[in-house]
Protein backbone atom coordinates (compact mmCIF):
# COMPACT_ATOMS: atom_id res chain seq x y z
CA MET A 1 106.04 100.63 144.30
CA THR A 2 105.96 104.14 142.88
CA LEU A 3 103.28 105.01 140.35
CA ARG A 4 104.62 105.87 136.91
CA LEU A 5 102.78 108.79 135.38
CA SER A 6 102.13 109.29 131.68
CA PRO A 7 99.68 111.52 129.82
CA LYS A 8 97.63 108.36 129.16
CA THR A 9 97.48 107.58 132.90
CA LEU A 10 96.42 111.14 133.69
CA GLU A 11 93.69 111.00 131.06
CA ALA A 12 92.43 107.66 132.42
CA ALA A 13 92.22 109.07 135.97
CA TYR A 14 90.35 112.12 134.66
CA ASN A 15 87.94 110.03 132.58
CA TYR A 16 87.18 107.75 135.53
CA LEU A 17 86.44 110.66 137.87
CA ARG A 18 84.37 112.35 135.15
CA THR A 19 81.89 109.44 135.32
CA THR A 20 81.38 109.78 139.09
CA PRO A 21 79.41 112.26 141.21
CA PRO A 22 79.60 115.19 141.41
CA PHE A 23 81.71 115.46 138.22
CA ASP A 24 79.14 113.57 136.13
CA ARG A 25 76.73 116.51 136.54
CA TRP A 26 79.22 119.23 135.60
CA GLY A 27 79.40 118.70 131.84
CA LEU A 28 83.20 118.41 131.83
CA PRO A 29 84.87 117.83 128.47
CA PRO A 30 86.01 114.30 127.61
CA GLY A 31 89.64 113.53 128.33
CA GLY A 32 90.49 113.66 124.63
CA ASP A 33 89.66 117.38 124.69
CA VAL A 34 92.06 118.11 127.58
CA LYS A 35 95.84 118.32 127.28
CA PHE A 36 97.55 116.14 129.94
CA ILE A 37 101.15 116.83 130.89
CA VAL A 38 103.54 115.06 133.25
CA SER A 39 105.70 117.67 134.94
CA ARG A 40 108.73 117.27 137.18
CA ARG A 41 108.00 120.10 139.64
CA PRO A 42 108.83 118.75 143.10
CA SER A 43 106.86 121.41 144.98
CA GLU A 44 103.63 121.26 142.95
CA PHE A 45 101.35 118.22 142.79
CA GLY A 46 99.25 119.47 139.90
CA ARG A 47 98.19 122.48 137.90
CA TYR A 48 95.18 123.43 135.81
CA GLN A 49 95.52 126.00 133.04
CA TRP A 50 93.24 127.42 130.38
CA LEU A 51 95.45 127.78 127.34
CA GLY A 52 93.04 130.09 125.54
CA HIS A 53 91.68 127.30 123.37
CA LYS A 54 92.12 124.11 125.42
CA HIS A 55 92.09 122.95 129.03
CA SER A 56 95.39 121.63 130.38
CA ILE A 57 96.05 119.53 133.48
CA SER A 58 99.57 118.69 134.57
CA MET A 59 100.62 116.35 137.38
CA SER A 60 104.09 116.11 138.87
CA ALA A 61 105.96 112.82 138.65
CA LYS A 62 108.22 114.19 141.41
CA ALA A 63 105.31 114.82 143.83
CA ILE A 64 102.87 111.99 143.02
CA GLY A 65 103.79 108.36 143.64
CA GLN A 66 100.53 106.64 144.58
CA THR A 67 97.12 106.20 142.98
CA GLN A 68 95.26 107.84 145.88
CA THR A 69 97.38 110.97 145.51
CA LEU A 70 96.90 111.02 141.74
CA MET A 71 93.12 110.74 142.08
CA GLN A 72 92.91 113.43 144.75
CA TYR A 73 94.97 115.96 142.84
CA THR A 74 93.27 115.15 139.53
CA ALA A 75 89.95 115.85 141.27
CA HIS A 76 91.38 119.11 142.63
CA GLU A 77 92.38 120.27 139.15
CA MET A 78 89.00 119.18 137.77
CA VAL A 79 87.35 121.59 140.20
CA HIS A 80 89.52 124.36 138.72
CA LEU A 81 88.55 123.27 135.19
CA HIS A 82 84.86 123.38 136.13
CA LEU A 83 85.25 126.83 137.66
CA GLN A 84 87.00 128.12 134.54
CA ALA A 85 84.33 126.64 132.27
CA THR A 86 81.55 128.21 134.35
CA ARG A 87 83.39 131.53 134.83
CA GLN A 88 83.64 131.13 138.59
CA GLU A 89 87.44 130.78 138.77
CA SER A 90 89.31 133.28 140.94
CA LYS A 91 90.63 136.31 139.12
CA SER A 92 93.80 136.25 141.23
CA ASN A 93 97.05 135.49 139.44
CA SER A 94 98.15 133.30 142.35
CA MET A 95 97.62 129.58 141.80
CA HIS A 96 97.20 129.15 145.57
CA VAL A 97 93.98 131.19 145.86
CA HIS A 98 90.83 129.12 146.29
CA ASN A 99 87.67 131.19 146.26
CA ALA A 100 84.30 130.39 147.86
CA ALA A 101 83.09 128.57 144.75
CA PHE A 102 86.19 126.34 144.81
CA ARG A 103 85.65 125.54 148.48
CA ARG A 104 81.98 124.68 147.87
CA TYR A 105 82.72 122.30 144.97
CA ALA A 106 85.73 120.85 146.81
CA GLY A 107 83.43 119.98 149.71
CA GLN A 108 81.13 118.07 147.34
CA VAL A 109 84.05 116.19 145.78
CA CYS A 110 85.63 115.29 149.13
CA ARG A 111 82.33 114.01 150.58
CA LYS A 112 81.66 111.81 147.54
CA HIS A 113 85.19 110.44 147.17
CA GLY A 114 86.43 110.33 150.75
CA PHE A 115 89.24 112.82 150.22
CA ASP A 116 90.49 114.82 153.19
CA LEU A 117 89.13 118.32 152.69
CA LYS A 118 92.01 119.83 154.68
CA ALA A 119 94.51 118.19 152.31
CA PHE A 120 92.49 119.07 149.19
CA PHE A 121 93.70 122.68 149.17
């Protein structure tokens, strides 16, 4: 069965992860303060964006079909959110650049949640 994504589902995944280590120590905003979007991009699992006044996380209904994948890519975008909030995000305009800070936090997340670090990027 393929997972059906909705903004409510994305927010629930985010809020769950937010209560677990290491996210619970990062002071992330509650899900109600983040804009969640379901996209249809087949080549992009998820995307984090700072909209100038609000955090935004989108997940692709074309690329994500299982809960494990949703949780892993939500966690990935949460690392980007944390980096933006703490001014550690890469200054590159490419969404595929993951700086040393991203790699460090990704390692923490993958160890705690059992995600494959090689697949996390």
